[in-house]
Amino acid sequence: MNILITGGAGFIGSHTADALIAGGHRVRILDSLQRTIHPKGKPEYLHPEAEFIEGDVCDRQTLSVALEGVDAVYHFAAYQDYLTDFSTFFRINAVSTALIYEILVETGMGSRIQKVIVAASQAVMGEGRYRCDSCGTDVFPSIRLDAQLSQGKWDHSCLQCDQPLAWMPSDESVIHPCNPYAISKNSQEQIAIHLGSRYSIPSTVMRYSIVQGPRQSFYNAYSGAMRIFSLSLMLGRQPTIFEDGRQIRDFVNIHDVVAANLLVLESTRADYQVFNIGGNQAWTVLDFYQTMQHIVNRNCSPVMSGYYRYGDTRHIFSDTQKLQALGWKPTHPVEDSIRDYWAYLMLQDNKADILDYAEKHMKHLQVIRKAE
């Protein structure tokens, strides 16, 4: 197949491109090389056999040229960060998705498209599914506000009985986006599934949890624990663990994500469906850090003084049974992700500058705050 990958110079896109080329497909990459992700320009790791187009996925002419002659599209181009330029989330994420379908329908190119695969996010589920054991009901809480977090009250409580809620795995039916990025990703899901169905363009949405591995951007403030902890340990600095470190997170290895991406390309059972892609093992942030210290053989006590990132979920964990029914399962544990990322980090220069930039950026945005 001839396959277009938007955002193909990025983390998930470049790994997917490598796998597709290894499988005999021809790959074209469209990427704007956004400086916050690619401050050094076109990355050296891009596969030499991939055709590369530098351009904006929201530009009609550029996107039309990129779509010429392709049989399938992976739409990975996205804007993600803690920035307050809310409209940019929707312009890059939602508008670009709508533009893909608009061009395919208006030009007739949609008739040859075998699959459009759109990258969504676990963030669409917001705080996810919880259970109140006292009331015997499932609860889908809203985002925690500063009035609660500033007092150091981390956990969700039932609005009916005020008892603590227990987190539950969240399947694809859970839709409760609580920030601009998540809302824009939910918009992408709706655009892909509904326009795809209406115009008979087979479409699949991949709702990724926290993907880990080499090539992950060091400069994007949205990327989290792996980058911060690795850089801190390498530089001998104490990392800040937010809240109490008991937040539940769902980490998935990049190779398992690529396997899922290739599976849905070939499977008609994936058409017009949304799938969670997660690691199938719940981790607390503190356990993740302790595991990293052990694997890289470096120790540094973290700072745990009531700091929090405003906008973070308390617990979130993806139920992946739907994707597993197609024959997929994660096979690379978190330990593999840590080893691979550490090896990648060792090859980078100006590591101190990277960590300083991220910390200053987050504080400037007032995302990092401290409980009273």
Protein backbone atom coordinates (compact mmCIF):
# COMPACT_ATOMS: atom_id res chain seq x y z
CA MET A 1 0.00 0.00 0.00
CA ASN A 2 0.91 3.66 -0.39
CA ILE A 3 0.47 5.14 3.07
CA LEU A 4 0.47 8.73 4.32
CA ILE A 5 1.49 9.41 7.92
CA THR A 6 0.75 12.92 9.15
CA GLY A 7 3.04 13.82 12.02
CA GLY A 8 5.26 11.03 10.78
CA ALA A 9 8.46 12.65 12.04
CA GLY A 10 7.19 12.32 15.60
CA PHE A 11 7.41 9.59 18.19
CA ILE A 12 4.57 7.23 17.25
CA GLY A 13 4.58 8.22 13.59
CA SER A 14 8.24 7.48 12.92
CA HIS A 15 8.15 4.08 14.60
CA THR A 16 5.01 3.20 12.66
CA ALA A 17 6.69 4.32 9.43
CA ASP A 18 9.65 2.03 10.11
CA ALA A 19 7.37 -0.97 10.66
CA LEU A 20 5.29 -0.25 7.55
CA ILE A 21 8.37 0.04 5.34
CA ALA A 22 9.76 -3.17 6.82
CA GLY A 23 6.45 -4.79 5.83
CA GLY A 24 6.81 -3.71 2.20
CA HIS A 25 4.58 -0.62 2.21
CA ARG A 26 5.52 2.73 0.68
CA VAL A 27 5.36 5.58 3.19
CA ARG A 28 4.95 9.31 2.74
CA ILE A 29 5.39 11.57 5.77
CA LEU A 30 3.79 14.99 6.18
CA ASP A 31 5.13 16.93 9.16
CA SER A 32 5.46 20.62 10.02
CA LEU A 33 8.54 19.98 12.20
CA GLN A 34 7.06 22.10 14.97
CA ARG A 35 9.97 23.59 16.92
CA THR A 36 8.65 22.56 20.34
CA ILE A 37 8.88 18.94 19.17
CA HIS A 38 11.76 19.15 16.66
CA PRO A 39 13.99 22.07 17.74
CA LYS A 40 16.82 20.71 15.58
CA GLY A 41 14.71 20.30 12.46
CA LYS A 42 14.19 17.07 10.55
CA PRO A 43 15.27 14.19 12.82
CA GLU A 44 18.06 11.87 11.74
CA TYR A 45 16.12 8.76 12.72
CA LEU A 46 13.60 9.07 9.88
CA HIS A 47 13.68 6.07 7.55
CA PRO A 48 15.60 6.95 4.35
CA GLU A 49 12.98 5.22 2.18
CA ALA A 50 10.15 7.41 3.49
CA GLU A 51 9.11 10.29 1.25
CA PHE A 52 9.09 13.48 3.31
CA ILE A 53 6.93 16.58 2.87
CA GLU A 54 7.40 19.47 5.27
CA GLY A 55 4.13 21.32 5.69
CA ASP A 56 1.07 22.20 7.74
CA VAL A 57 -1.61 19.54 7.94
CA CYS A 58 -4.20 22.32 8.09
CA ASP A 59 -3.13 23.74 4.73
CA ARG A 60 -5.52 22.48 2.03
CA GLN A 61 -3.04 22.56 -0.84
CA THR A 62 -0.28 20.84 1.10
CA LEU A 63 -2.62 18.17 2.44
CA SER A 64 -4.16 17.58 -0.99
CA VAL A 65 -0.74 16.93 -2.48
CA ALA A 66 0.16 14.61 0.39
CA LEU A 67 -3.05 12.59 -0.10
CA GLU A 68 -2.51 12.04 -3.83
CA GLY A 69 -2.24 8.35 -4.68
CA VAL A 70 -2.39 6.98 -1.15
CA ASP A 71 -4.35 3.91 -0.08
CA ALA A 72 -4.36 4.56 3.66
CA VAL A 73 -3.79 7.39 6.12
CA TYR A 74 -2.41 7.44 9.65
CA HIS A 75 -3.35 10.81 11.11
CA PHE A 76 -0.89 11.39 13.96
CA ALA A 77 -0.26 15.13 13.57
CA ALA A 78 -1.41 16.75 16.80
CA TYR A 79 -0.97 19.61 19.20
CA GLN A 80 -0.52 18.65 22.84
CA ASP A 81 0.79 20.69 25.72
CA TYR A 82 -0.38 22.60 28.78
CA LEU A 83 -0.49 25.89 26.89
CA THR A 84 -3.56 28.12 27.16
CA ASP A 85 -3.85 28.82 23.43
CA PHE A 86 -7.04 26.76 23.39
CA SER A 87 -8.00 27.42 19.79
CA THR A 88 -4.78 25.82 18.54
CA PHE A 89 -5.85 22.44 19.92
CA PHE A 90 -8.95 22.54 17.77
CA ARG A 91 -7.32 24.01 14.67
CA ILE A 92 -4.57 21.42 14.50
CA ASN A 93 -6.37 18.40 15.94
CA ALA A 94 -10.02 18.70 14.94
CA VAL A 95 -9.88 20.93 11.85
CA SER A 96 -7.09 18.91 10.24
CA THR A 97 -9.11 15.72 10.71
CA ALA A 98 -12.17 17.28 9.11
CA LEU A 99 -10.01 18.59 6.26
CA ILE A 100 -8.73 15.10 5.47
CA TYR A 101 -12.26 13.82 4.98
CA GLU A 102 -13.30 16.97 3.14
CA ILE A 103 -10.53 16.54 0.57
CA LEU A 104 -11.14 12.80 0.21
CA VAL A 105 -14.86 13.35 -0.44
CA GLU A 106 -14.60 16.42 -2.68
CA THR A 107 -11.86 14.99 -4.91
CA GLY A 108 -13.18 11.45 -5.06
CA MET A 109 -9.94 10.13 -3.55
CA GLY A 110 -11.98 8.58 -0.76
CA SER A 111 -13.11 5.81 -3.11
CA ARG A 112 -9.63 4.24 -3.09
CA ILE A 113 -8.87 4.74 0.60
CA GLN A 114 -8.75 1.43 2.42
CA LYS A 115 -8.36 2.89 5.91
CA VAL A 116 -8.01 6.14 7.82
CA ILE A 117 -6.53 5.61 11.27
CA VAL A 118 -6.80 8.56 13.65
CA ALA A 119 -4.74 8.97 16.82
CA ALA A 120 -6.90 9.90 19.79
CA SER A 121 -5.96 9.81 23.46
CA GLN A 122 -6.79 8.26 26.79
CA ALA A 123 -7.46 11.87 27.82
CA VAL A 124 -10.86 11.58 26.11
CA MET A 125 -11.97 9.53 29.13
CA GLY A 126 -11.10 12.35 31.52
CA GLU A 127 -11.02 11.11 35.11
CA GLY A 128 -12.42 7.78 33.94
CA ARG A 129 -14.70 5.31 35.68
CA TYR A 130 -14.89 5.00 39.46
CA ARG A 131 -17.02 2.94 41.81
CA CYS A 132 -18.74 3.98 45.03
CA ASP A 133 -18.90 0.80 47.09
CA SER A 134 -21.23 2.42 49.61
CA CYS A 135 -23.82 3.48 47.02
CA GLY A 136 -23.15 0.54 44.70
CA THR A 137 -22.93 2.75 41.62
CA ASP A 138 -20.40 3.66 38.95
CA VAL A 139 -19.32 7.29 39.03
CA PHE A 140 -17.64 9.45 36.38
CA PRO A 141 -16.21 12.40 38.31
CA SER A 142 -15.30 15.74 36.82
CA ILE A 143 -11.82 17.19 36.86
CA ARG A 144 -10.48 18.14 40.27
CA LEU A 145 -10.53 21.89 40.78
CA ASP A 146 -7.94 24.05 42.47
CA ALA A 147 -10.14 24.58 45.53
CA GLN A 148 -9.72 20.87 46.30
CA LEU A 149 -6.14 20.35 45.18
CA SER A 150 -4.76 23.42 46.97
CA GLN A 151 -5.82 21.79 50.23
CA GLY A 152 -3.96 18.59 49.42
CA LYS A 153 -7.14 16.58 48.91
CA TRP A 154 -6.13 14.30 46.07
CA ASP A 155 -8.82 11.63 45.89
CA HIS A 156 -12.33 11.73 44.48
CA SER A 157 -15.29 11.34 46.84
CA CYS A 158 -18.87 10.34 46.13
CA LEU A 159 -21.15 13.36 45.81
CA GLN A 160 -23.96 11.39 47.45
CA CYS A 161 -22.31 9.82 50.51
CA ASP A 162 -18.90 11.57 50.57
CA GLN A 163 -17.07 8.22 50.73
CA PRO A 164 -13.83 7.73 48.78
CA LEU A 165 -14.28 6.39 45.26
CA ALA A 166 -12.39 3.36 43.95
CA TRP A 167 -10.88 3.64 40.46
CA MET A 168 -12.00 1.17 37.80
CA PRO A 169 -10.67 0.30 34.31
CA SER A 170 -12.29 2.53 31.70
CA ASP A 171 -13.48 1.07 28.40
CA GLU A 172 -14.21 2.88 25.14
CA SER A 173 -17.73 3.84 26.26
CA VAL A 174 -16.23 6.27 28.80
CA ILE A 175 -16.19 9.74 27.26
CA HIS A 176 -15.66 12.65 29.63
CA PRO A 177 -12.98 15.02 28.26
CA CYS A 178 -12.01 17.66 30.81
CA ASN A 179 -9.43 19.91 29.11
CA PRO A 180 -9.00 21.55 25.69
CA TYR A 181 -6.64 18.86 24.41
CA ALA A 182 -9.03 16.07 25.43
CA ILE A 183 -12.05 17.85 23.97
CA SER A 184 -10.23 18.33 20.66
CA LYS A 185 -9.30 14.64 20.63
CA ASN A 186 -12.90 13.67 21.27
CA SER A 187 -13.83 15.89 18.32
CA GLN A 188 -11.39 13.92 16.17
CA GLU A 189 -13.03 10.68 17.22
CA GLN A 190 -16.47 11.94 16.27
CA ILE A 191 -15.28 13.34 12.94
CA ALA A 192 -13.50 10.13 11.96
CA ILE A 193 -16.22 7.67 12.93
CA HIS A 194 -19.21 9.64 11.66
CA LEU A 195 -17.76 11.08 8.45
CA GLY A 196 -16.06 7.79 7.73
CA SER A 197 -19.36 5.93 8.10
CA ARG A 198 -21.34 8.47 6.11
CA TYR A 199 -18.99 8.42 3.12
CA SER A 200 -17.92 4.75 3.31
CA ILE A 201 -14.31 5.55 4.16
CA PRO A 202 -13.22 2.80 6.59
CA SER A 203 -11.96 4.59 9.68
CA THR A 204 -10.51 3.54 13.02
CA VAL A 205 -9.68 5.58 16.11
CA MET A 206 -6.82 4.60 18.42
CA ARG A 207 -7.15 5.90 21.98
CA TYR A 208 -3.56 5.68 23.25
CA SER A 209 -2.66 5.69 26.93
CA ILE A 210 0.83 6.88 27.98
CA VAL A 211 3.14 5.65 25.21
CA GLN A 212 6.80 5.24 26.15
CA GLY A 213 10.04 4.60 24.30
CA PRO A 214 12.88 6.26 22.34
CA ARG A 215 12.29 9.31 20.10
CA GLN A 216 9.79 10.81 22.56
CA SER A 217 10.19 14.58 22.54
CA PHE A 218 12.25 16.06 25.37
CA TYR A 219 10.82 19.52 24.90
CA ASN A 220 7.09 18.92 25.03
CA ALA A 221 5.90 19.79 28.54
CA TYR A 222 2.96 17.44 28.11
CA SER A 223 5.20 14.38 28.12
CA GLY A 224 5.65 13.29 31.69
CA ALA A 225 7.16 10.83 34.11
CA MET A 226 9.61 9.02 31.83
CA ARG A 227 11.29 12.20 30.62
CA ILE A 228 11.36 13.98 33.99
CA PHE A 229 12.56 10.99 36.01
CA SER A 230 15.19 9.90 33.48
CA LEU A 231 16.70 13.35 33.11
CA SER A 232 16.68 13.91 36.87
CA LEU A 233 18.46 10.62 37.60
CA MET A 234 20.99 11.20 34.85
CA LEU A 235 21.80 14.68 36.19
CA GLY A 236 21.66 13.69 39.86
CA ARG A 237 18.77 16.02 40.62
CA GLN A 238 15.80 15.31 42.83
CA PRO A 239 12.65 14.94 40.73
CA THR A 240 9.34 16.25 42.00
CA ILE A 241 6.67 13.60 42.42
CA PHE A 242 3.32 15.31 42.34
CA GLU A 243 0.55 14.80 44.88
CA ASP A 244 1.32 11.69 46.98
CA GLY A 245 2.76 9.56 44.16
CA ARG A 246 -0.11 7.08 44.41
CA GLN A 247 -1.79 8.16 41.19
CA ILE A 248 -2.58 5.22 38.93
CA ARG A 249 -1.12 5.43 35.43
CA ASP A 250 -1.27 3.21 32.36
CA PHE A 251 1.99 2.93 30.42
CA VAL A 252 2.32 1.16 27.06
CA ASN A 253 5.46 0.44 25.06
CA ILE A 254 5.88 2.00 21.61
CA HIS A 255 6.40 -1.42 19.99
CA ASP A 256 3.04 -2.62 21.30
CA VAL A 257 1.44 0.55 19.95
CA VAL A 258 2.99 -0.04 16.52
CA ALA A 259 1.70 -3.63 16.54
CA ALA A 260 -1.80 -2.30 17.25
CA ASN A 261 -1.48 0.29 14.48
CA LEU A 262 -0.55 -2.39 11.94
CA LEU A 263 -3.27 -4.77 13.11
CA VAL A 264 -6.15 -2.34 12.58
CA LEU A 265 -4.82 -1.39 9.14
CA GLU A 266 -5.48 -4.91 7.91
CA SER A 267 -8.59 -5.78 9.95
CA THR A 268 -12.05 -4.96 8.61
CA ARG A 269 -13.36 -5.72 12.10
CA ALA A 270 -11.68 -2.48 13.18
CA ASP A 271 -13.67 -0.34 10.74
CA TYR A 272 -15.65 2.49 12.35
CA GLN A 273 -14.48 1.48 15.82
CA VAL A 274 -12.64 3.18 18.70
CA PHE A 275 -9.98 1.16 20.54
CA ASN A 276 -8.10 1.67 23.79
CA ILE A 277 -4.39 0.84 23.65
CA GLY A 278 -2.82 0.44 27.09
CA GLY A 279 -0.26 -1.62 28.94
CA ASN A 280 -2.70 -3.79 30.92
CA GLN A 281 -0.80 -3.16 34.17
CA ALA A 282 -1.62 -0.43 36.65
CA TRP A 283 1.33 1.53 38.01
CA THR A 284 1.52 4.16 40.71
CA VAL A 285 3.83 7.03 39.83
CA LEU A 286 5.95 6.26 42.89
CA ASP A 287 6.33 2.59 41.94
CA PHE A 288 7.31 3.63 38.42
CA TYR A 289 10.06 5.89 39.77
CA GLN A 290 11.36 3.23 42.14
CA THR A 291 11.47 0.72 39.28
CA MET A 292 13.38 3.18 37.11
CA GLN A 293 15.96 3.75 39.86
CA HIS A 294 16.53 0.00 40.09
CA ILE A 295 16.87 -0.55 36.34
CA VAL A 296 19.28 2.33 35.65
CA ASN A 297 21.14 1.73 38.93
CA ARG A 298 20.87 5.29 40.15
CA ASN A 299 19.24 6.56 43.32
CA CYS A 300 17.95 9.98 44.24
CA SER A 301 15.22 10.68 46.77
CA PRO A 302 12.31 12.51 45.14
CA VAL A 303 10.77 15.74 46.36
CA MET A 304 7.29 15.08 47.73
CA SER A 305 6.07 18.32 49.25
CA GLY A 306 2.49 18.70 48.10
CA TYR A 307 3.18 19.94 44.58
CA TYR A 308 0.63 19.08 41.91
CA ARG A 309 0.04 19.66 38.22
CA TYR A 310 -3.24 21.41 37.70
CA GLY A 311 -5.24 19.47 35.14
CA ASP A 312 -3.81 16.02 35.87
CA THR A 313 -6.17 13.12 36.41
CA ARG A 314 -6.01 11.30 39.74
CA HIS A 315 -6.26 7.78 38.34
CA ILE A 316 -6.76 6.55 34.78
CA PHE A 317 -6.44 3.04 33.39
CA SER A 318 -7.60 1.72 30.02
CA ASP A 319 -9.59 -1.47 29.52
CA THR A 320 -8.16 -3.01 26.31
CA GLN A 321 -10.42 -6.07 25.98
CA LYS A 322 -11.96 -4.75 22.78
CA LEU A 323 -8.61 -4.58 20.97
CA GLN A 324 -7.49 -7.89 22.47
CA ALA A 325 -10.53 -9.49 20.83
CA LEU A 326 -8.84 -8.71 17.50
CA GLY A 327 -5.76 -10.67 18.54
CA TRP A 328 -3.58 -7.93 20.07
CA LYS A 329 -1.98 -7.86 23.49
CA PRO A 330 0.94 -5.90 24.95
CA THR A 331 4.12 -7.95 25.19
CA HIS A 332 6.71 -5.32 26.21
CA PRO A 333 6.73 -4.49 29.93
CA VAL A 334 7.48 -1.09 31.42
CA GLU A 335 10.97 -2.28 32.25
CA ASP A 336 11.71 -2.56 28.50
CA SER A 337 10.45 0.98 27.96
CA ILE A 338 12.74 2.31 30.68
CA ARG A 339 15.83 0.54 29.29
CA ASP A 340 15.18 1.69 25.73
CA TYR A 341 14.47 5.28 26.72
CA TRP A 342 17.55 5.44 28.96
CA ALA A 343 19.75 4.22 26.12
CA TYR A 344 18.22 6.84 23.82
CA LEU A 345 18.74 9.58 26.39
CA MET A 346 22.41 8.67 26.78
CA LEU A 347 22.96 9.66 23.14
CA GLN A 348 21.55 13.18 23.59
CA ASP A 349 23.45 16.37 24.34
CA ASN A 350 22.42 19.45 26.38
CA LYS A 351 20.44 17.29 28.85
CA ALA A 352 20.57 19.91 31.60
CA ASP A 353 19.11 22.53 29.28
CA ILE A 354 16.26 20.17 28.42
CA LEU A 355 15.29 19.60 32.06
CA ASP A 356 15.63 23.28 32.98
CA TYR A 357 13.49 24.30 30.02
CA ALA A 358 10.70 21.90 30.95
CA GLU A 359 10.61 22.95 34.60
CA LYS A 360 10.63 26.68 33.82
CA HIS A 361 8.00 26.22 31.12
CA MET A 362 5.60 24.41 33.44
CA LYS A 363 6.04 26.96 36.22
CA HIS A 364 5.55 29.83 33.79
CA LEU A 365 2.23 28.31 32.73
CA GLN A 366 1.25 27.95 36.41
CA VAL A 367 0.60 24.28 35.83
CA ILE A 368 2.83 23.25 38.73
CA ARG A 369 1.29 24.44 42.00
CA LYS A 370 1.69 23.67 45.70
CA ALA A 371 -0.94 22.70 48.26
CA GLU A 372 -1.23 24.82 51.38
